[in-house]
Amino acid sequence: MKTQRVAVVIPGIMGSCLSYTDTDGRSKEIWGENFEENYERLLSNPTLLRWNNSAANATLLEKVCPSRFVPWPKFYLWRRLLKYLGNHKEFRGKGRTVKFAYDWRESLMNVARSLRSQLDVHAPKNARFVFLTHSMGGLVVRIALALKVLQPKNVDRIIHIGSPLQGAPMAFRSAYGKALLPMLSELTKLFHWKNADQFFKHLLDNVRTFPSIYQLMPPRRYPYLFYSPSHRSNPLDEPAIPDEFRKVAQVAHDLIEESDKIIVRNGVKVFTIFTRTHFKRKTDLEYRVEPLGLPGSGYIIDEVVGQTDWGDGTVPFESARGNPTCCKENPILNVTHAVLCDDRKVIELLPGVIL
């Protein structure tokens, strides 16, 4: 039987709409494309987004609407990339493009296993997969390879788009400072909602329950917490982060490192597309912090003491470029992290990497 290539689109954190089914069989939205409704839901139910060890139903978040009353502006996240795939001779047929949505709150090891299950359901048995991953979605594929739930022989290529392959300090700030997760920072600049401080307090309380946010933080070899010029540390080495989250992060980081070896050993093609330099938006590198004292009690971020133009506003370029021994780099300029998959500069690179 002839091998078919299937494109698999994998979003990052907050890149899927989440819902659950209530006892009456009705679908109840947790996180959707209308951010004003998300905002109001979290204000009325401060624990709505807490991770409770039960994965929600998920669909790809393709656009963001800031208000239910004002239809514009809309922020499209995948329109150009999905249009490109829809016009591509290999990926335009039924079942030839898979949109893998997932509950971005849970551990990425669980998400990786869900990826395998979804591919078994939605892709042909003889498929070779072309993974197009945005942000944290890249870590899902890497962990799936290291867990051996995804076999290298079934991978045609991996295209990482702004994936934090060596973590992103912004994940730490999103848990302990202000939750500047993708799209939230863009929208809060446009709209000054009532009770915004209360919303962000609720959001931070919820974000700190996500195993995934700790797995997004840089590995222990990167000391990005600043105490003094001679004393820097990594939060995964410190008791201020709950032990369960430090452990789940370490496992994920070990698996991502192992995936580099698997990729090299099996000759898997990997391409990284990333913003090398952003002249208008700086990317975080280092924070001056104070641990709150008791084990597991967290931090106060006093100051962002290190930022760089070399990144996309969320992920430093060194992290997004990947390991040069197994990744072919495709840098661009001045594209913000949240909208990479809808930017013309990214789409113009696809013919050369998707082939």
Protein backbone atom coordinates (compact mmCIF):
# COMPACT_ATOMS: atom_id res chain seq x y z
CA MET A 1 0.00 0.00 0.00
CA LYS A 2 1.33 3.43 -0.97
CA THR A 3 2.47 5.62 1.91
CA GLN A 4 0.44 8.78 2.44
CA ARG A 5 1.71 11.94 4.04
CA VAL A 6 -0.64 13.48 6.59
CA ALA A 7 -0.18 16.97 8.06
CA VAL A 8 -0.74 17.23 11.81
CA VAL A 9 -1.27 20.70 13.29
CA ILE A 10 -0.51 21.01 17.02
CA PRO A 11 -1.14 24.28 18.90
CA GLY A 12 0.51 25.55 22.06
CA ILE A 13 -0.72 26.59 25.47
CA MET A 14 -4.15 28.23 25.36
CA GLY A 15 -4.33 27.19 21.70
CA SER A 16 -7.39 24.94 22.12
CA CYS A 17 -10.97 25.73 23.10
CA LEU A 18 -11.94 23.70 26.17
CA SER A 19 -15.36 22.46 27.27
CA TYR A 20 -16.99 19.74 29.32
CA THR A 21 -20.30 17.88 29.18
CA ASP A 22 -22.59 18.44 32.16
CA THR A 23 -24.88 15.86 33.76
CA ASP A 24 -27.67 16.80 31.36
CA GLY A 25 -25.46 16.14 28.34
CA ARG A 26 -24.99 19.81 27.52
CA SER A 27 -21.64 21.23 26.47
CA LYS A 28 -20.27 23.88 28.83
CA GLU A 29 -17.42 26.07 27.64
CA ILE A 30 -14.39 26.59 29.85
CA TRP A 31 -12.16 28.50 27.42
CA GLY A 32 -13.30 29.67 23.99
CA GLU A 33 -12.57 32.05 21.17
CA ASN A 34 -14.53 34.94 22.72
CA PHE A 35 -12.12 36.34 25.29
CA GLU A 36 -14.68 38.65 26.88
CA GLU A 37 -16.75 35.59 27.77
CA ASN A 38 -13.64 33.81 29.06
CA TYR A 39 -12.97 36.86 31.17
CA GLU A 40 -16.45 36.98 32.67
CA ARG A 41 -16.52 33.23 33.35
CA LEU A 42 -13.28 33.35 35.30
CA LEU A 43 -14.42 36.38 37.31
CA SER A 44 -17.64 34.60 38.29
CA ASN A 45 -15.95 31.25 38.94
CA PRO A 46 -12.36 31.84 40.17
CA THR A 47 -11.46 28.13 40.06
CA LEU A 48 -12.88 27.44 36.58
CA LEU A 49 -9.51 26.79 34.90
CA ARG A 50 -7.85 24.86 37.71
CA TRP A 51 -6.38 21.55 36.60
CA ASN A 52 -8.43 18.83 38.30
CA ASN A 53 -6.82 15.74 36.69
CA SER A 54 -9.71 15.43 34.25
CA ALA A 55 -9.02 16.45 30.65
CA ALA A 56 -11.62 18.65 28.97
CA ASN A 57 -12.96 18.28 25.45
CA ALA A 58 -10.80 20.28 23.05
CA THR A 59 -11.00 21.86 19.60
CA LEU A 60 -8.43 24.00 17.80
CA LEU A 61 -8.62 27.71 18.68
CA GLU A 62 -8.42 29.22 15.20
CA LYS A 63 -9.32 32.83 15.97
CA VAL A 64 -9.85 35.11 18.94
CA CYS A 65 -12.69 37.60 19.31
CA PRO A 66 -12.18 40.27 21.97
CA SER A 67 -15.88 41.01 22.49
CA ARG A 68 -19.29 39.45 21.92
CA PHE A 69 -20.69 42.86 20.96
CA VAL A 70 -17.88 44.16 18.75
CA PRO A 71 -17.04 41.67 15.95
CA TRP A 72 -13.76 43.38 15.08
CA PRO A 73 -10.86 43.12 15.42
CA LYS A 74 -10.48 39.36 15.19
CA PHE A 75 -7.10 37.78 15.72
CA TYR A 76 -6.58 34.85 13.38
CA LEU A 77 -4.11 32.31 14.66
CA TRP A 78 -4.04 29.63 11.91
CA ARG A 79 -5.90 31.03 8.89
CA ARG A 80 -2.96 31.33 6.48
CA LEU A 81 -1.31 28.08 7.51
CA LEU A 82 -4.54 26.07 7.23
CA LYS A 83 -5.30 27.72 3.89
CA TYR A 84 -1.85 26.70 2.67
CA LEU A 85 -2.47 23.09 3.69
CA GLY A 86 -5.95 23.18 2.16
CA ASN A 87 -4.47 24.18 -1.19
CA HIS A 88 -1.59 21.71 -1.04
CA LYS A 89 -2.00 18.70 -3.35
CA GLU A 90 -1.04 16.23 -0.63
CA PHE A 91 -2.92 17.66 2.34
CA ARG A 92 -6.20 18.98 0.94
CA GLY A 93 -8.13 15.72 0.89
CA LYS A 94 -10.31 14.26 3.65
CA GLY A 95 -8.20 13.02 6.54
CA ARG A 96 -5.02 14.47 5.09
CA THR A 97 -4.79 17.29 7.65
CA VAL A 98 -5.39 16.50 11.32
CA LYS A 99 -5.97 19.30 13.84
CA PHE A 100 -4.80 17.93 17.17
CA ALA A 101 -6.40 19.94 19.97
CA TYR A 102 -5.77 19.04 23.60
CA ASP A 103 -6.22 20.20 27.16
CA TRP A 104 -3.17 22.43 27.53
CA ARG A 105 -3.38 22.43 31.33
CA GLU A 106 -2.33 18.82 31.85
CA SER A 107 1.06 17.13 31.82
CA LEU A 108 2.60 16.91 28.37
CA MET A 109 3.30 13.22 28.88
CA ASN A 110 -0.46 12.61 28.99
CA VAL A 111 -0.96 14.88 25.98
CA ALA A 112 1.67 12.93 24.02
CA ARG A 113 -0.23 9.69 24.63
CA SER A 114 -3.46 11.38 23.54
CA LEU A 115 -1.72 12.43 20.32
CA ARG A 116 -1.02 8.80 19.49
CA SER A 117 -4.65 7.87 20.18
CA GLN A 118 -5.98 10.65 17.96
CA LEU A 119 -3.67 9.71 15.09
CA ASP A 120 -4.85 6.11 15.32
CA VAL A 121 -8.45 7.33 14.94
CA HIS A 122 -8.13 10.08 12.34
CA ALA A 123 -5.16 9.17 10.12
CA PRO A 124 -4.73 6.38 7.54
CA LYS A 125 -2.88 3.30 8.78
CA ASN A 126 -0.04 3.80 6.29
CA ALA A 127 0.49 7.49 7.05
CA ARG A 128 3.79 9.27 7.49
CA PHE A 129 3.25 12.40 9.50
CA VAL A 130 4.30 15.97 8.81
CA PHE A 131 4.01 17.71 12.17
CA LEU A 132 3.49 21.49 12.17
CA THR A 133 3.80 22.55 15.78
CA HIS A 134 3.30 25.95 17.31
CA SER A 135 4.90 26.81 20.65
CA MET A 136 4.29 24.14 23.32
CA GLY A 137 2.93 21.83 20.61
CA GLY A 138 6.53 21.14 19.63
CA LEU A 139 7.23 19.70 23.06
CA VAL A 140 4.27 17.33 22.68
CA VAL A 141 5.81 15.72 19.57
CA ARG A 142 9.26 15.51 21.16
CA ILE A 143 7.88 13.81 24.27
CA ALA A 144 5.80 11.43 22.14
CA LEU A 145 8.99 10.34 20.35
CA ALA A 146 10.89 9.84 23.61
CA LEU A 147 8.01 7.88 25.15
CA LYS A 148 7.97 5.71 22.00
CA VAL A 149 4.25 6.24 21.51
CA LEU A 150 5.31 7.82 18.20
CA GLN A 151 7.78 5.84 16.10
CA PRO A 152 10.46 7.67 14.07
CA LYS A 153 9.65 5.56 10.99
CA ASN A 154 6.16 7.13 10.97
CA VAL A 155 7.51 10.70 11.04
CA ASP A 156 8.17 12.30 7.66
CA ARG A 157 9.33 15.57 9.22
CA ILE A 158 8.74 17.97 12.09
CA ILE A 159 8.29 21.71 11.54
CA HIS A 160 8.58 23.63 14.81
CA ILE A 161 7.14 27.16 14.67
CA GLY A 162 8.25 29.18 17.67
CA SER A 163 8.59 26.08 19.85
CA PRO A 164 10.47 26.58 23.16
CA LEU A 165 12.69 23.52 22.79
CA GLN A 166 14.84 24.73 25.69
CA GLY A 167 12.01 26.35 27.61
CA ALA A 168 10.86 29.95 28.01
CA PRO A 169 11.35 32.12 31.11
CA MET A 170 8.02 33.77 30.25
CA ALA A 171 6.31 30.61 31.55
CA PHE A 172 7.69 31.44 35.00
CA ARG A 173 6.36 35.01 34.79
CA SER A 174 2.99 33.67 33.62
CA ALA A 175 2.77 31.64 36.84
CA TYR A 176 4.26 34.05 39.37
CA GLY A 177 4.11 37.52 37.87
CA LYS A 178 1.43 38.47 35.39
CA ALA A 179 -0.02 35.81 33.15
CA LEU A 180 1.28 36.98 29.79
CA LEU A 181 0.25 33.85 27.94
CA PRO A 182 -0.26 34.01 24.14
CA MET A 183 -2.96 36.49 23.05
CA LEU A 184 -3.68 37.76 26.57
CA SER A 185 -0.98 40.41 26.40
CA GLU A 186 -2.20 41.53 22.97
CA LEU A 187 -5.82 41.81 24.07
CA THR A 188 -5.16 43.55 27.37
CA LYS A 189 -3.42 46.33 25.49
CA LEU A 190 -6.54 46.91 23.40
CA PHE A 191 -9.20 46.59 26.09
CA HIS A 192 -9.09 47.85 29.66
CA TRP A 193 -11.75 45.63 31.16
CA LYS A 194 -13.34 46.32 34.50
CA ASN A 195 -11.89 44.23 37.33
CA ALA A 196 -8.81 43.33 35.25
CA ASP A 197 -6.61 42.99 38.35
CA GLN A 198 -9.05 40.52 39.88
CA PHE A 199 -9.18 38.56 36.60
CA PHE A 200 -5.40 38.21 36.48
CA LYS A 201 -5.26 37.17 40.13
CA HIS A 202 -7.75 34.39 39.43
CA LEU A 203 -5.86 33.43 36.28
CA LEU A 204 -2.53 33.21 38.12
CA ASP A 205 -4.09 31.06 40.83
CA ASN A 206 -5.32 28.69 38.12
CA VAL A 207 -2.16 28.70 36.00
CA ARG A 208 -0.07 27.55 38.97
CA THR A 209 -2.08 24.30 39.00
CA PHE A 210 -1.10 23.42 35.41
CA PRO A 211 1.66 20.78 35.18
CA SER A 212 2.33 22.09 31.66
CA ILE A 213 3.39 25.57 32.81
CA TYR A 214 6.31 24.09 34.78
CA GLN A 215 7.27 21.86 31.85
CA LEU A 216 7.49 25.02 29.73
CA MET A 217 10.03 26.60 32.07
CA PRO A 218 13.72 26.35 31.10
CA PRO A 219 15.55 23.20 32.25
CA ARG A 220 17.64 23.24 35.41
CA ARG A 221 20.87 23.97 33.55
CA TYR A 222 19.59 27.52 32.86
CA PRO A 223 19.82 29.74 36.00
CA TYR A 224 17.42 32.58 35.20
CA LEU A 225 16.41 33.69 38.71
CA PHE A 226 18.58 36.60 39.86
CA TYR A 227 19.43 37.03 43.53
CA SER A 228 22.76 38.80 43.17
CA PRO A 229 25.49 39.04 40.50
CA SER A 230 27.12 35.95 42.04
CA HIS A 231 23.92 34.05 42.83
CA ARG A 232 21.54 32.87 40.14
CA SER A 233 19.29 29.86 40.29
CA ASN A 234 16.61 27.85 38.51
CA PRO A 235 13.21 27.49 40.23
CA LEU A 236 13.18 23.75 39.53
CA ASP A 237 16.11 23.49 41.97
CA GLU A 238 14.26 25.35 44.72
CA PRO A 239 11.58 24.26 47.20
CA ALA A 240 9.43 27.33 46.48
CA ILE A 241 7.89 25.33 43.62
CA PRO A 242 5.79 22.36 44.79
CA ASP A 243 7.73 19.12 44.62
CA GLU A 244 5.17 17.38 42.39
CA PHE A 245 5.58 20.05 39.71
CA ARG A 246 9.37 20.06 39.88
CA LYS A 247 9.32 16.30 39.32
CA VAL A 248 6.90 16.38 36.38
CA ALA A 249 8.94 19.17 34.77
CA GLN A 250 12.19 17.24 35.15
CA VAL A 251 10.68 14.17 33.50
CA ALA A 252 9.48 16.27 30.55
CA HIS A 253 12.86 17.98 30.15
CA ASP A 254 14.69 14.64 30.21
CA LEU A 255 12.36 13.29 27.52
CA ILE A 256 12.81 16.35 25.30
CA GLU A 257 16.58 15.96 25.57
CA GLU A 258 16.26 12.25 24.72
CA SER A 259 14.20 13.17 21.64
CA ASP A 260 17.21 14.97 20.14
CA LYS A 261 19.17 11.71 20.30
CA ILE A 262 16.31 9.76 18.73
CA ILE A 263 16.00 12.30 15.93
CA VAL A 264 19.71 12.20 15.14
CA ARG A 265 19.90 8.41 15.39
CA ASN A 266 16.96 7.89 13.02
CA GLY A 267 17.62 10.74 10.61
CA VAL A 268 14.27 12.46 11.25
CA LYS A 269 14.05 15.76 9.39
CA VAL A 270 13.42 18.70 11.72
CA PHE A 271 12.98 22.33 10.71
CA THR A 272 12.61 25.28 13.06
CA ILE A 273 10.91 28.52 12.05
CA PHE A 274 11.36 31.29 14.59
CA THR A 275 11.78 35.02 15.11
CA ARG A 276 15.47 35.69 15.43
CA THR A 277 15.05 39.39 16.23
CA HIS A 278 12.03 41.47 17.23
CA PHE A 279 12.78 45.17 17.24
CA LYS A 280 9.51 46.22 18.93
CA ARG A 281 8.96 43.47 21.51
CA LYS A 282 11.60 42.21 23.92
CA THR A 283 11.77 38.65 25.22
CA ASP A 284 12.33 37.82 28.91
CA LEU A 285 15.55 36.14 30.02
CA GLU A 286 15.98 36.75 33.76
CA TYR A 287 14.06 37.86 36.86
CA ARG A 288 14.92 39.31 40.25
CA VAL A 289 12.76 37.34 42.69
CA GLU A 290 11.93 36.70 46.33
CA PRO A 291 10.81 33.20 47.40
CA LEU A 292 7.80 33.46 49.71
CA GLY A 293 9.38 31.23 52.32
CA LEU A 294 7.45 28.05 52.94
CA PRO A 295 8.04 25.07 50.63
CA GLY A 296 5.70 25.21 47.65
CA SER A 297 4.59 28.77 48.39
CA GLY A 298 6.03 30.34 45.23
CA TYR A 299 7.69 33.66 44.44
CA ILE A 300 7.27 37.37 44.10
CA ILE A 301 8.87 38.74 40.93
CA ASP A 302 10.42 42.08 41.86
CA GLU A 303 11.84 42.98 38.46
CA VAL A 304 12.55 41.74 34.97
CA VAL A 305 16.33 42.24 34.92
CA GLY A 306 17.14 40.59 31.61
CA GLN A 307 15.43 41.04 28.26
CA THR A 308 16.60 40.66 24.68
CA ASP A 309 15.65 41.60 21.13
CA TRP A 310 16.57 38.04 20.11
CA GLY A 311 13.20 36.34 20.31
CA ASP A 312 9.53 36.69 19.47
CA GLY A 313 8.34 38.38 22.64
CA THR A 314 7.69 35.04 24.36
CA VAL A 315 10.33 32.48 23.35
CA PRO A 316 14.07 33.37 23.18
CA PHE A 317 15.56 32.64 19.79
CA GLU A 318 18.16 30.24 21.24
CA SER A 319 15.33 28.06 22.54
CA ALA A 320 13.23 28.22 19.38
CA ARG A 321 16.11 27.47 17.00
CA GLY A 322 16.61 24.04 18.59
CA ASN A 323 19.71 21.89 18.64
CA PRO A 324 21.81 22.74 15.54
CA THR A 325 22.90 19.10 15.23
CA CYS A 326 19.37 17.99 14.38
CA CYS A 327 17.41 21.11 13.40
CA LYS A 328 17.61 23.13 10.21
CA GLU A 329 17.05 26.77 11.13
CA ASN A 330 14.73 29.17 9.29
CA PRO A 331 14.86 32.56 11.05
CA ILE A 332 12.55 35.50 10.37
CA LEU A 333 12.23 39.02 11.80
CA ASN A 334 9.63 40.93 13.80
CA VAL A 335 6.85 38.34 14.06
CA THR A 336 5.13 38.07 17.44
CA HIS A 337 4.81 34.64 19.01
CA ALA A 338 1.01 34.35 19.18
CA VAL A 339 0.44 35.00 15.47
CA LEU A 340 3.36 33.11 13.91
CA CYS A 341 1.08 30.56 12.19
CA ASP A 342 -0.92 33.32 10.50
CA ASP A 343 2.01 35.41 9.32
CA ARG A 344 3.02 35.69 5.66
CA LYS A 345 6.72 35.40 6.49
CA VAL A 346 6.15 31.97 8.01
CA ILE A 347 3.90 30.78 5.17
CA GLU A 348 6.47 31.86 2.58
CA LEU A 349 8.96 29.46 4.20
CA LEU A 350 6.64 26.44 4.15
CA PRO A 351 7.20 25.32 0.52
CA GLY A 352 10.90 24.94 1.25
CA VAL A 353 10.45 22.87 4.39
CA ILE A 354 7.27 20.87 3.75
CA LEU A 355 8.27 19.73 0.21
